[in-house]
Amino acid sequence: MHDVLTLVTGVTALSLAAWCGWAAYRDQPTKDWHFIGMAVVTLVALVQLIVGIVQLARGEKPVQGTTIFVAYLLGSFACVPAAGFLSLGERSRWGSLTVSASGVVLAVLEVRLYDIWGG
């Protein structure tokens, strides 16, 4: 995996977590600009998914196994959009808190992806 891409994904995820956490603290639901932030984080995760699949297709192998690596790649890609859909159903501060939690989860998944690859 590319170290810079992993770092960028983690930083954008934590930025989203802080932003939506601040909205939850102020008792606000997710708003349109939060969804734009979720789209940016999801786009970065999509780039990472594509890069990971390309590296696997070129024959590079993660240290801890391909199956678990692909599972973590797919989970990291789906984490924030799933929370975004959940926040649409919960139009209160808890929707913002759900998105905030997904940002933290994505950052943790990035650390684990880095470890699985052999970093």
PDB file of N, CA and C in Angstrom:
ATOM      1  N   MET A   1       0.846  -1.188   0.000  1.00  0.00           N
ATOM      2  CA  MET A   1       0.000   0.000   0.000  1.00  0.00           C
ATOM      3  C   MET A   1       0.884   1.242   0.000  1.00  0.00           C
ATOM      4  N   HIS A   2       0.335   2.289  -0.523  1.00  0.00           N
ATOM      5  CA  HIS A   2       1.049   3.554  -0.519  1.00  0.00           C
ATOM      6  C   HIS A   2       0.862   4.227   0.830  1.00  0.00           C
ATOM      7  N   ASP A   3       1.967   4.555   1.454  1.00  0.00           N
ATOM      8  CA  ASP A   3       1.917   5.169   2.780  1.00  0.00           C
ATOM      9  C   ASP A   3       1.198   6.516   2.754  1.00  0.00           C
ATOM     10  N   VAL A   4       1.447   7.293   1.718  1.00  0.00           N
ATOM     11  CA  VAL A   4       0.830   8.622   1.628  1.00  0.00           C
ATOM     12  C   VAL A   4      -0.685   8.502   1.480  1.00  0.00           C
ATOM     13  N   LEU A   5      -1.132   7.579   0.662  1.00  0.00           N
ATOM     14  CA  LEU A   5      -2.569   7.392   0.460  1.00  0.00           C
ATOM     15  C   LEU A   5      -3.246   6.927   1.747  1.00  0.00           C
ATOM     16  N   THR A   6      -2.581   6.046   2.476  1.00  0.00           N
ATOM     17  CA  THR A   6      -3.118   5.583   3.747  1.00  0.00           C
ATOM     18  C   THR A   6      -3.203   6.742   4.740  1.00  0.00           C
ATOM     19  N   LEU A   7      -2.179   7.570   4.771  1.00  0.00           N
ATOM     20  CA  LEU A   7      -2.170   8.720   5.670  1.00  0.00           C
ATOM     21  C   LEU A   7      -3.252   9.732   5.294  1.00  0.00           C
ATOM     22  N   VAL A   8      -3.390  10.008   4.006  1.00  0.00           N
ATOM     23  CA  VAL A   8      -4.410  10.964   3.549  1.00  0.00           C
ATOM     24  C   VAL A   8      -5.812  10.452   3.888  1.00  0.00           C
ATOM     25  N   THR A   9      -6.048   9.170   3.684  1.00  0.00           N
ATOM     26  CA  THR A   9      -7.352   8.598   4.007  1.00  0.00           C
ATOM     27  C   THR A   9      -7.635   8.710   5.500  1.00  0.00           C
ATOM     28  N   GLY A  10      -6.654   8.394   6.317  1.00  0.00           N
ATOM     29  CA  GLY A  10      -6.839   8.490   7.763  1.00  0.00           C
ATOM     30  C   GLY A  10      -7.078   9.916   8.235  1.00  0.00           C
ATOM     31  N   VAL A  11      -6.331  10.855   7.680  1.00  0.00           N
ATOM     32  CA  VAL A  11      -6.486  12.261   8.083  1.00  0.00           C
ATOM     33  C   VAL A  11      -7.836  12.814   7.642  1.00  0.00           C
ATOM     34  N   THR A  12      -8.254  12.497   6.420  1.00  0.00           N
ATOM     35  CA  THR A  12      -9.569  12.991   5.980  1.00  0.00           C
ATOM     36  C   THR A  12     -10.693  12.355   6.802  1.00  0.00           C
ATOM     37  N   ALA A  13     -10.525  11.084   7.164  1.00  0.00           N
ATOM     38  CA  ALA A  13     -11.542  10.416   7.984  1.00  0.00           C
ATOM     39  C   ALA A  13     -11.624  11.047   9.369  1.00  0.00           C
ATOM     40  N   LEU A  14     -10.475  11.343   9.966  1.00  0.00           N
ATOM     41  CA  LEU A  14     -10.485  11.973  11.293  1.00  0.00           C
ATOM     42  C   LEU A  14     -10.991  13.409  11.229  1.00  0.00           C
ATOM     43  N   SER A  15     -10.733  14.090  10.122  1.00  0.00           N
ATOM     44  CA  SER A  15     -11.280  15.444   9.951  1.00  0.00           C
ATOM     45  C   SER A  15     -12.805  15.402   9.880  1.00  0.00           C
ATOM     46  N   LEU A  16     -13.331  14.433   9.137  1.00  0.00           N
ATOM     47  CA  LEU A  16     -14.783  14.257   9.068  1.00  0.00           C
ATOM     48  C   LEU A  16     -15.344  13.914  10.443  1.00  0.00           C
ATOM     49  N   ALA A  17     -14.636  13.071  11.172  1.00  0.00           N
ATOM     50  CA  ALA A  17     -15.082  12.686  12.515  1.00  0.00           C
ATOM     51  C   ALA A  17     -15.143  13.895  13.439  1.00  0.00           C
ATOM     52  N   ALA A  18     -14.132  14.737  13.379  1.00  0.00           N
ATOM     53  CA  ALA A  18     -14.129  15.936  14.227  1.00  0.00           C
ATOM     54  C   ALA A  18     -15.237  16.908  13.824  1.00  0.00           C
ATOM     55  N   TRP A  19     -15.430  17.078  12.533  1.00  0.00           N
ATOM     56  CA  TRP A  19     -16.446  18.005  12.034  1.00  0.00           C
ATOM     57  C   TRP A  19     -17.849  17.553  12.427  1.00  0.00           C
ATOM     58  N   CYS A  20     -18.140  16.290  12.208  1.00  0.00           N
ATOM     59  CA  CYS A  20     -19.471  15.790  12.566  1.00  0.00           C
ATOM     60  C   CYS A  20     -19.616  15.639  14.074  1.00  0.00           C
ATOM     61  N   GLY A  21     -18.518  15.373  14.761  1.00  0.00           N
ATOM     62  CA  GLY A  21     -18.568  15.354  16.222  1.00  0.00           C
ATOM     63  C   GLY A  21     -18.902  16.723  16.787  1.00  0.00           C
ATOM     64  N   TRP A  22     -18.373  17.758  16.168  1.00  0.00           N
ATOM     65  CA  TRP A  22     -18.692  19.123  16.584  1.00  0.00           C
ATOM     66  C   TRP A  22     -20.177  19.426  16.336  1.00  0.00           C
ATOM     67  N   ALA A  23     -20.698  18.959  15.227  1.00  0.00           N
ATOM     68  CA  ALA A  23     -22.123  19.148  14.944  1.00  0.00           C
ATOM     69  C   ALA A  23     -22.974  18.397  15.968  1.00  0.00           C
ATOM     70  N   ALA A  24     -22.564  17.207  16.342  1.00  0.00           N
ATOM     71  CA  ALA A  24     -23.308  16.450  17.359  1.00  0.00           C
ATOM     72  C   ALA A  24     -23.241  17.158  18.702  1.00  0.00           C
ATOM     73  N   TYR A  25     -22.097  17.707  19.021  1.00  0.00           N
ATOM     74  CA  TYR A  25     -21.943  18.455  20.278  1.00  0.00           C
ATOM     75  C   TYR A  25     -22.875  19.664  20.308  1.00  0.00           C
ATOM     76  N   ARG A  26     -23.068  20.282  19.146  1.00  0.00           N
ATOM     77  CA  ARG A  26     -23.958  21.447  19.060  1.00  0.00           C
ATOM     78  C   ARG A  26     -25.405  21.053  18.812  1.00  0.00           C
ATOM     79  N   ASP A  27     -25.705  19.753  18.923  1.00  0.00           N
ATOM     80  CA  ASP A  27     -27.057  19.223  18.794  1.00  0.00           C
ATOM     81  C   ASP A  27     -27.644  19.465  17.398  1.00  0.00           C
ATOM     82  N   GLN A  28     -26.820  19.227  16.374  1.00  0.00           N
ATOM     83  CA  GLN A  28     -27.249  19.425  14.991  1.00  0.00           C
ATOM     84  C   GLN A  28     -27.212  18.099  14.233  1.00  0.00           C
ATOM     85  N   PRO A  29     -28.164  17.879  13.338  1.00  0.00           N
ATOM     86  CA  PRO A  29     -28.102  16.687  12.476  1.00  0.00           C
ATOM     87  C   PRO A  29     -27.084  16.905  11.360  1.00  0.00           C
ATOM     88  N   THR A  30     -26.852  15.869  10.577  1.00  0.00           N
ATOM     89  CA  THR A  30     -25.987  16.030   9.415  1.00  0.00           C
ATOM     90  C   THR A  30     -26.684  16.937   8.403  1.00  0.00           C
ATOM     91  N   LYS A  31     -25.914  17.785   7.799  1.00  0.00           N
ATOM     92  CA  LYS A  31     -26.442  18.732   6.814  1.00  0.00           C
ATOM     93  C   LYS A  31     -25.785  18.445   5.468  1.00  0.00           C
ATOM     94  N   ASP A  32     -26.186  19.193   4.469  1.00  0.00           N
ATOM     95  CA  ASP A  32     -25.691  18.956   3.111  1.00  0.00           C
ATOM     96  C   ASP A  32     -24.168  19.006   3.030  1.00  0.00           C
ATOM     97  N   TRP A  33     -23.544  19.960   3.706  1.00  0.00           N
ATOM     98  CA  TRP A  33     -22.087  20.064   3.615  1.00  0.00           C
ATOM     99  C   TRP A  33     -21.389  18.895   4.308  1.00  0.00           C
ATOM    100  N   HIS A  34     -22.049  18.290   5.281  1.00  0.00           N
ATOM    101  CA  HIS A  34     -21.477  17.067   5.864  1.00  0.00           C
ATOM    102  C   HIS A  34     -21.477  15.935   4.836  1.00  0.00           C
ATOM    103  N   PHE A  35     -22.531  15.874   4.032  1.00  0.00           N
ATOM    104  CA  PHE A  35     -22.589  14.844   2.995  1.00  0.00           C
ATOM    105  C   PHE A  35     -21.537  15.079   1.918  1.00  0.00           C
ATOM    106  N   ILE A  36     -21.206  16.322   1.664  1.00  0.00           N
ATOM    107  CA  ILE A  36     -20.115  16.621   0.737  1.00  0.00           C
ATOM    108  C   ILE A  36     -18.795  16.114   1.330  1.00  0.00           C
ATOM    109  N   GLY A  37     -18.596  16.339   2.624  1.00  0.00           N
ATOM    110  CA  GLY A  37     -17.406  15.808   3.298  1.00  0.00           C
ATOM    111  C   GLY A  37     -17.357  14.295   3.255  1.00  0.00           C
ATOM    112  N   MET A  38     -18.514  13.649   3.449  1.00  0.00           N
ATOM    113  CA  MET A  38     -18.563  12.188   3.362  1.00  0.00           C
ATOM    114  C   MET A  38     -18.215  11.720   1.953  1.00  0.00           C
ATOM    115  N   ALA A  39     -18.656  12.465   0.945  1.00  0.00           N
ATOM    116  CA  ALA A  39     -18.347  12.101  -0.438  1.00  0.00           C
ATOM    117  C   ALA A  39     -16.848  12.203  -0.707  1.00  0.00           C
ATOM    118  N   VAL A  40     -16.210  13.222  -0.156  1.00  0.00           N
ATOM    119  CA  VAL A  40     -14.762  13.378  -0.339  1.00  0.00           C
ATOM    120  C   VAL A  40     -14.019  12.213   0.312  1.00  0.00           C
ATOM    121  N   VAL A  41     -14.397  11.879   1.543  1.00  0.00           N
ATOM    122  CA  VAL A  41     -13.745  10.767   2.243  1.00  0.00           C
ATOM    123  C   VAL A  41     -13.998   9.454   1.492  1.00  0.00           C
ATOM    124  N   THR A  42     -15.201   9.267   1.004  1.00  0.00           N
ATOM    125  CA  THR A  42     -15.525   8.056   0.255  1.00  0.00           C
ATOM    126  C   THR A  42     -14.734   7.992  -1.042  1.00  0.00           C
ATOM    127  N   LEU A  43     -14.542   9.112  -1.703  1.00  0.00           N
ATOM    128  CA  LEU A  43     -13.743   9.152  -2.927  1.00  0.00           C
ATOM    129  C   LEU A  43     -12.292   8.764  -2.646  1.00  0.00           C
ATOM    130  N   VAL A  44     -11.743   9.257  -1.550  1.00  0.00           N
ATOM    131  CA  VAL A  44     -10.370   8.890  -1.182  1.00  0.00           C
ATOM    132  C   VAL A  44     -10.294   7.390  -0.873  1.00  0.00           C
ATOM    133  N   ALA A  45     -11.304   6.869  -0.182  1.00  0.00           N
ATOM    134  CA  ALA A  45     -11.337   5.430   0.113  1.00  0.00           C
ATOM    135  C   ALA A  45     -11.491   4.611  -1.174  1.00  0.00           C
ATOM    136  N   LEU A  46     -12.229   5.128  -2.144  1.00  0.00           N
ATOM    137  CA  LEU A  46     -12.372   4.445  -3.431  1.00  0.00           C
ATOM    138  C   LEU A  46     -11.037   4.389  -4.164  1.00  0.00           C
ATOM    139  N   VAL A  47     -10.296   5.482  -4.135  1.00  0.00           N
ATOM    140  CA  VAL A  47      -8.970   5.496  -4.756  1.00  0.00           C
ATOM    141  C   VAL A  47      -8.084   4.443  -4.092  1.00  0.00           C
ATOM    142  N   GLN A  48      -8.158   4.356  -2.771  1.00  0.00           N
ATOM    143  CA  GLN A  48      -7.362   3.359  -2.074  1.00  0.00           C
ATOM    144  C   GLN A  48      -7.791   1.932  -2.438  1.00  0.00           C
ATOM    145  N   LEU A  49      -9.086   1.726  -2.572  1.00  0.00           N
ATOM    146  CA  LEU A  49      -9.592   0.414  -2.985  1.00  0.00           C
ATOM    147  C   LEU A  49      -9.050   0.036  -4.363  1.00  0.00           C
ATOM    148  N   ILE A  50      -9.089   0.967  -5.285  1.00  0.00           N
ATOM    149  CA  ILE A  50      -8.602   0.708  -6.644  1.00  0.00           C
ATOM    150  C   ILE A  50      -7.100   0.434  -6.634  1.00  0.00           C
ATOM    151  N   VAL A  51      -6.348   1.233  -5.891  1.00  0.00           N
ATOM    152  CA  VAL A  51      -4.898   1.031  -5.813  1.00  0.00           C
ATOM    153  C   VAL A  51      -4.585  -0.328  -5.206  1.00  0.00           C
ATOM    154  N   GLY A  52      -5.306  -0.710  -4.159  1.00  0.00           N
ATOM    155  CA  GLY A  52      -5.087  -2.011  -3.535  1.00  0.00           C
ATOM    156  C   GLY A  52      -5.374  -3.165  -4.480  1.00  0.00           C
ATOM    157  N   ILE A  53      -6.455  -3.059  -5.238  1.00  0.00           N
ATOM    158  CA  ILE A  53      -6.800  -4.122  -6.185  1.00  0.00           C
ATOM    159  C   ILE A  53      -5.777  -4.193  -7.318  1.00  0.00           C
ATOM    160  N   VAL A  54      -5.308  -3.035  -7.784  1.00  0.00           N
ATOM    161  CA  VAL A  54      -4.290  -3.014  -8.832  1.00  0.00           C
ATOM    162  C   VAL A  54      -2.996  -3.649  -8.328  1.00  0.00           C
ATOM    163  N   GLN A  55      -2.623  -3.349  -7.095  1.00  0.00           N
ATOM    164  CA  GLN A  55      -1.403  -3.953  -6.553  1.00  0.00           C
ATOM    165  C   GLN A  55      -1.543  -5.471  -6.451  1.00  0.00           C
ATOM    166  N   LEU A  56      -2.703  -5.930  -6.044  1.00  0.00           N
ATOM    167  CA  LEU A  56      -2.930  -7.374  -5.983  1.00  0.00           C
ATOM    168  C   LEU A  56      -2.898  -7.992  -7.377  1.00  0.00           C
ATOM    169  N   ALA A  57      -3.461  -7.305  -8.353  1.00  0.00           N
ATOM    170  CA  ALA A  57      -3.481  -7.813  -9.732  1.00  0.00           C
ATOM    171  C   ALA A  57      -2.077  -7.872 -10.324  1.00  0.00           C
ATOM    172  N   ARG A  58      -1.184  -6.998  -9.878  1.00  0.00           N
ATOM    173  CA  ARG A  58       0.202  -7.016 -10.355  1.00  0.00           C
ATOM    174  C   ARG A  58       1.031  -8.104  -9.693  1.00  0.00           C
ATOM    175  N   GLY A  59       0.444  -8.795  -8.733  1.00  0.00           N
ATOM    176  CA  GLY A  59       1.156  -9.890  -8.100  1.00  0.00           C
ATOM    177  C   GLY A  59       1.748  -9.580  -6.742  1.00  0.00           C
ATOM    178  N   GLU A  60       1.586  -8.360  -6.270  1.00  0.00           N
ATOM    179  CA  GLU A  60       2.078  -8.024  -4.937  1.00  0.00           C
ATOM    180  C   GLU A  60       1.170  -8.674  -3.898  1.00  0.00           C
ATOM    181  N   LYS A  61       1.767  -9.131  -2.815  1.00  0.00           N
ATOM    182  CA  LYS A  61       0.998  -9.841  -1.798  1.00  0.00           C
ATOM    183  C   LYS A  61       1.138  -9.174  -0.439  1.00  0.00           C
ATOM    184  N   PRO A  62       0.032  -9.024   0.286  1.00  0.00           N
ATOM    185  CA  PRO A  62       0.118  -8.535   1.658  1.00  0.00           C
ATOM    186  C   PRO A  62       0.726  -9.604   2.563  1.00  0.00           C
ATOM    187  N   VAL A  63       1.394  -9.163   3.594  1.00  0.00           N
ATOM    188  CA  VAL A  63       2.088 -10.081   4.494  1.00  0.00           C
ATOM    189  C   VAL A  63       1.111 -11.006   5.217  1.00  0.00           C
ATOM    190  N   GLN A  64      -0.029 -10.479   5.647  1.00  0.00           N
ATOM    191  CA  GLN A  64      -0.948 -11.255   6.472  1.00  0.00           C
ATOM    192  C   GLN A  64      -2.082 -11.918   5.697  1.00  0.00           C
ATOM    193  N   GLY A  65      -2.009 -11.942   4.395  1.00  0.00           N
ATOM    194  CA  GLY A  65      -3.003 -12.663   3.613  1.00  0.00           C
ATOM    195  C   GLY A  65      -3.877 -11.775   2.750  1.00  0.00           C
ATOM    196  N   THR A  66      -4.169 -12.280   1.568  1.00  0.00           N
ATOM    197  CA  THR A  66      -4.949 -11.520   0.592  1.00  0.00           C
ATOM    198  C   THR A  66      -6.409 -11.402   0.994  1.00  0.00           C
ATOM    199  N   THR A  67      -6.991 -12.471   1.524  1.00  0.00           N
ATOM    200  CA  THR A  67      -8.412 -12.458   1.850  1.00  0.00           C
ATOM    201  C   THR A  67      -8.740 -11.403   2.900  1.00  0.00           C
ATOM    202  N   ILE A  68      -7.956 -11.359   3.954  1.00  0.00           N
ATOM    203  CA  ILE A  68      -8.227 -10.383   5.009  1.00  0.00           C
ATOM    204  C   ILE A  68      -7.942  -8.964   4.518  1.00  0.00           C
ATOM    205  N   PHE A  69      -6.957  -8.821   3.641  1.00  0.00           N
ATOM    206  CA  PHE A  69      -6.653  -7.511   3.080  1.00  0.00           C
ATOM    207  C   PHE A  69      -7.816  -6.990   2.249  1.00  0.00           C
ATOM    208  N   VAL A  70      -8.363  -7.840   1.381  1.00  0.00           N
ATOM    209  CA  VAL A  70      -9.497  -7.433   0.545  1.00  0.00           C
ATOM    210  C   VAL A  70     -10.719  -7.130   1.418  1.00  0.00           C
ATOM    211  N   ALA A  71     -10.934  -7.921   2.454  1.00  0.00           N
ATOM    212  CA  ALA A  71     -12.066  -7.675   3.362  1.00  0.00           C
ATOM    213  C   ALA A  71     -11.937  -6.316   4.043  1.00  0.00           C
ATOM    214  N   TYR A  72     -10.749  -5.978   4.490  1.00  0.00           N
ATOM    215  CA  TYR A  72     -10.543  -4.670   5.113  1.00  0.00           C
ATOM    216  C   TYR A  72     -10.661  -3.542   4.095  1.00  0.00           C
ATOM    217  N   LEU A  73     -10.188  -3.760   2.863  1.00  0.00           N
ATOM    218  CA  LEU A  73     -10.345  -2.745   1.818  1.00  0.00           C
ATOM    219  C   LEU A  73     -11.817  -2.452   1.556  1.00  0.00           C
ATOM    220  N   LEU A  74     -12.606  -3.515   1.415  1.00  0.00           N
ATOM    221  CA  LEU A  74     -14.042  -3.327   1.150  1.00  0.00           C
ATOM    222  C   LEU A  74     -14.743  -2.685   2.349  1.00  0.00           C
ATOM    223  N   GLY A  75     -14.369  -3.097   3.546  1.00  0.00           N
ATOM    224  CA  GLY A  75     -14.961  -2.510   4.745  1.00  0.00           C
ATOM    225  C   GLY A  75     -14.626  -1.039   4.898  1.00  0.00           C
ATOM    226  N   SER A  76     -13.394  -0.681   4.574  1.00  0.00           N
ATOM    227  CA  SER A  76     -13.014   0.727   4.687  1.00  0.00           C
ATOM    228  C   SER A  76     -13.720   1.574   3.633  1.00  0.00           C
ATOM    229  N   PHE A  77     -13.978   0.988   2.469  1.00  0.00           N
ATOM    230  CA  PHE A  77     -14.713   1.729   1.445  1.00  0.00           C
ATOM    231  C   PHE A  77     -16.181   1.924   1.832  1.00  0.00           C
ATOM    232  N   ALA A  78     -16.788   0.929   2.475  1.00  0.00           N
ATOM    233  CA  ALA A  78     -18.225   0.976   2.780  1.00  0.00           C
ATOM    234  C   ALA A  78     -18.555   1.672   4.094  1.00  0.00           C
ATOM    235  N   CYS A  79     -17.576   1.914   4.926  1.00  0.00           N
ATOM    236  CA  CYS A  79     -17.813   2.415   6.283  1.00  0.00           C
ATOM    237  C   CYS A  79     -18.553   3.762   6.305  1.00  0.00           C
ATOM    238  N   VAL A  80     -18.017   4.748   5.650  1.00  0.00           N
ATOM    239  CA  VAL A  80     -18.600   6.093   5.702  1.00  0.00           C
ATOM    240  C   VAL A  80     -19.929   6.180   4.944  1.00  0.00           C
ATOM    241  N   PRO A  81     -20.067   5.599   3.733  1.00  0.00           N
ATOM    242  CA  PRO A  81     -21.380   5.659   3.083  1.00  0.00           C
ATOM    243  C   PRO A  81     -22.483   4.984   3.890  1.00  0.00           C
ATOM    244  N   ALA A  82     -22.171   3.882   4.553  1.00  0.00           N
ATOM    245  CA  ALA A  82     -23.181   3.214   5.385  1.00  0.00           C
ATOM    246  C   ALA A  82     -23.630   4.127   6.516  1.00  0.00           C
ATOM    247  N   ALA A  83     -22.698   4.803   7.146  1.00  0.00           N
ATOM    248  CA  ALA A  83     -23.062   5.732   8.219  1.00  0.00           C
ATOM    249  C   ALA A  83     -23.841   6.927   7.674  1.00  0.00           C
ATOM    250  N   GLY A  84     -23.520   7.343   6.453  1.00  0.00           N
ATOM    251  CA  GLY A  84     -24.270   8.437   5.836  1.00  0.00           C
ATOM    252  C   GLY A  84     -25.727   8.068   5.612  1.00  0.00           C
ATOM    253  N   PHE A  85     -25.966   6.846   5.152  1.00  0.00           N
ATOM    254  CA  PHE A  85     -27.346   6.394   4.977  1.00  0.00           C
ATOM    255  C   PHE A  85     -28.059   6.282   6.319  1.00  0.00           C
ATOM    256  N   LEU A  86     -27.362   5.813   7.322  1.00  0.00           N
ATOM    257  CA  LEU A  86     -27.979   5.735   8.654  1.00  0.00           C
ATOM    258  C   LEU A  86     -28.319   7.121   9.181  1.00  0.00           C
ATOM    259  N   SER A  87     -27.456   8.087   8.905  1.00  0.00           N
ATOM    260  CA  SER A  87     -27.721   9.440   9.408  1.00  0.00           C
ATOM    261  C   SER A  87     -28.915  10.085   8.710  1.00  0.00           C
ATOM    262  N   LEU A  88     -29.238   9.618   7.510  1.00  0.00           N
ATOM    263  CA  LEU A  88     -30.444  10.132   6.842  1.00  0.00           C
ATOM    264  C   LEU A  88     -31.706   9.706   7.582  1.00  0.00           C
ATOM    265  N   GLY A  89     -31.663   8.535   8.174  1.00  0.00           N
ATOM    266  CA  GLY A  89     -32.821   8.044   8.921  1.00  0.00           C
ATOM    267  C   GLY A  89     -32.921   8.628  10.314  1.00  0.00           C
ATOM    268  N   GLU A  90     -31.810   9.121  10.829  1.00  0.00           N
ATOM    269  CA  GLU A  90     -31.786   9.683  12.181  1.00  0.00           C
ATOM    270  C   GLU A  90     -31.433  11.155  12.081  1.00  0.00           C
ATOM    271  N   ARG A  91     -32.429  11.979  11.930  1.00  0.00           N
ATOM    272  CA  ARG A  91     -32.229  13.412  11.718  1.00  0.00           C
ATOM    273  C   ARG A  91     -32.133  14.157  13.038  1.00  0.00           C
ATOM    274  N   SER A  92     -31.184  13.741  13.854  1.00  0.00           N
ATOM    275  CA  SER A  92     -30.903  14.418  15.108  1.00  0.00           C
ATOM    276  C   SER A  92     -29.393  14.414  15.308  1.00  0.00           C
ATOM    277  N   ARG A  93     -28.969  14.797  16.480  1.00  0.00           N
ATOM    278  CA  ARG A  93     -27.542  14.812  16.771  1.00  0.00           C
ATOM    279  C   ARG A  93     -26.927  13.423  16.651  1.00  0.00           C
ATOM    280  N   TRP A  94     -27.758  12.388  16.830  1.00  0.00           N
ATOM    281  CA  TRP A  94     -27.252  11.018  16.773  1.00  0.00           C
ATOM    282  C   TRP A  94     -26.831  10.623  15.368  1.00  0.00           C
ATOM    283  N   GLY A  95     -27.438  11.217  14.365  1.00  0.00           N
ATOM    284  CA  GLY A  95     -26.990  10.989  12.995  1.00  0.00           C
ATOM    285  C   GLY A  95     -25.587  11.540  12.777  1.00  0.00           C
ATOM    286  N   SER A  96     -25.338  12.733  13.305  1.00  0.00           N
ATOM    287  CA  SER A  96     -23.996  13.314  13.210  1.00  0.00           C
ATOM    288  C   SER A  96     -22.986  12.487  13.988  1.00  0.00           C
ATOM    289  N   LEU A  97     -23.404  11.999  15.131  1.00  0.00           N
ATOM    290  CA  LEU A  97     -22.509  11.178  15.944  1.00  0.00           C
ATOM    291  C   LEU A  97     -22.188   9.851  15.253  1.00  0.00           C
ATOM    292  N   THR A  98     -23.151   9.302  14.525  1.00  0.00           N
ATOM    293  CA  THR A  98     -22.907   8.074  13.771  1.00  0.00           C
ATOM    294  C   THR A  98     -21.856   8.299  12.697  1.00  0.00           C
ATOM    295  N   VAL A  99     -21.952   9.394  11.980  1.00  0.00           N
ATOM    296  CA  VAL A  99     -20.958   9.707  10.946  1.00  0.00           C
ATOM    297  C   VAL A  99     -19.597   9.977  11.586  1.00  0.00           C
ATOM    298  N   SER A 100     -19.599  10.642  12.715  1.00  0.00           N
ATOM    299  CA  SER A 100     -18.348  10.889  13.434  1.00  0.00           C
ATOM    300  C   SER A 100     -17.680   9.577  13.830  1.00  0.00           C
ATOM    301  N   ALA A 101     -18.460   8.660  14.333  1.00  0.00           N
ATOM    302  CA  ALA A 101     -17.916   7.354  14.715  1.00  0.00           C
ATOM    303  C   ALA A 101     -17.368   6.605  13.506  1.00  0.00           C
ATOM    304  N   SER A 102     -18.040   6.739  12.366  1.00  0.00           N
ATOM    305  CA  SER A 102     -17.551   6.048  11.169  1.00  0.00           C
ATOM    306  C   SER A 102     -16.203   6.613  10.718  1.00  0.00           C
ATOM    307  N   GLY A 103     -15.983   7.895  10.918  1.00  0.00           N
ATOM    308  CA  GLY A 103     -14.677   8.477  10.595  1.00  0.00           C
ATOM    309  C   GLY A 103     -13.569   7.899  11.464  1.00  0.00           C
ATOM    310  N   VAL A 104     -13.860   7.722  12.738  1.00  0.00           N
ATOM    311  CA  VAL A 104     -12.879   7.114  13.642  1.00  0.00           C
ATOM    312  C   VAL A 104     -12.637   5.658  13.249  1.00  0.00           C
ATOM    313  N   VAL A 105     -13.720   4.939  12.938  1.00  0.00           N
ATOM    314  CA  VAL A 105     -13.587   3.539  12.526  1.00  0.00           C
ATOM    315  C   VAL A 105     -12.747   3.437  11.256  1.00  0.00           C
ATOM    316  N   LEU A 106     -12.974   4.332  10.303  1.00  0.00           N
ATOM    317  CA  LEU A 106     -12.192   4.306   9.065  1.00  0.00           C
ATOM    318  C   LEU A 106     -10.716   4.555   9.350  1.00  0.00           C
ATOM    319  N   ALA A 107     -10.410   5.479  10.239  1.00  0.00           N
ATOM    320  CA  ALA A 107      -9.005   5.731  10.576  1.00  0.00           C
ATOM    321  C   ALA A 107      -8.361   4.495  11.203  1.00  0.00           C
ATOM    322  N   VAL A 108      -9.097   3.797  12.045  1.00  0.00           N
ATOM    323  CA  VAL A 108      -8.578   2.562  12.650  1.00  0.00           C
ATOM    324  C   VAL A 108      -8.399   1.483  11.585  1.00  0.00           C
ATOM    325  N   LEU A 109      -9.339   1.389  10.653  1.00  0.00           N
ATOM    326  CA  LEU A 109      -9.197   0.427   9.561  1.00  0.00           C
ATOM    327  C   LEU A 109      -7.968   0.722   8.707  1.00  0.00           C
ATOM    328  N   GLU A 110      -7.643   1.986   8.548  1.00  0.00           N
ATOM    329  CA  GLU A 110      -6.454   2.358   7.786  1.00  0.00           C
ATOM    330  C   GLU A 110      -5.183   1.872   8.478  1.00  0.00           C
ATOM    331  N   VAL A 111      -5.133   2.021   9.776  1.00  0.00           N
ATOM    332  CA  VAL A 111      -3.976   1.518  10.524  1.00  0.00           C
ATOM    333  C   VAL A 111      -3.864   0.009  10.357  1.00  0.00           C
ATOM    334  N   ARG A 112      -4.998  -0.672  10.430  1.00  0.00           N
ATOM    335  CA  ARG A 112      -5.004  -2.125  10.284  1.00  0.00           C
ATOM    336  C   ARG A 112      -4.612  -2.537   8.860  1.00  0.00           C
ATOM    337  N   LEU A 113      -5.081  -1.825   7.833  1.00  0.00           N
ATOM    338  CA  LEU A 113      -4.675  -2.108   6.460  1.00  0.00           C
ATOM    339  C   LEU A 113      -3.165  -1.970   6.287  1.00  0.00           C
ATOM    340  N   TYR A 114      -2.627  -0.942   6.864  1.00  0.00           N
ATOM    341  CA  TYR A 114      -1.183  -0.717   6.803  1.00  0.00           C
ATOM    342  C   TYR A 114      -0.436  -1.892   7.444  1.00  0.00           C
ATOM    343  N   ASP A 115      -0.953  -2.359   8.570  1.00  0.00           N
ATOM    344  CA  ASP A 115      -0.344  -3.484   9.275  1.00  0.00           C
ATOM    345  C   ASP A 115      -0.469  -4.777   8.475  1.00  0.00           C
ATOM    346  N   ILE A 116      -1.621  -5.011   7.882  1.00  0.00           N
ATOM    347  CA  ILE A 116      -1.840  -6.224   7.089  1.00  0.00           C
ATOM    348  C   ILE A 116      -0.908  -6.257   5.880  1.00  0.00           C
ATOM    349  N   TRP A 117      -0.707  -5.112   5.258  1.00  0.00           N
ATOM    350  CA  TRP A 117       0.143  -5.070   4.079  1.00  0.00           C
ATOM    351  C   TRP A 117       1.614  -5.335   4.439  1.00  0.00           C
ATOM    352  N   GLY A 118       1.975  -5.033   5.654  1.00  0.00           N
ATOM    353  CA  GLY A 118       3.343  -5.306   6.094  1.00  0.00           C
ATOM    354  C   GLY A 118       4.113  -4.064   6.465  1.00  0.00           C
ATOM    355  N   GLY A 119       3.399  -3.010   6.790  1.00  0.00           N
ATOM    356  CA  GLY A 119       4.021  -1.736   7.124  1.00  0.00           C
ATOM    357  C   GLY A 119       4.487  -1.621   8.475  1.00  0.00           C
TER     358      GLY A 119
END
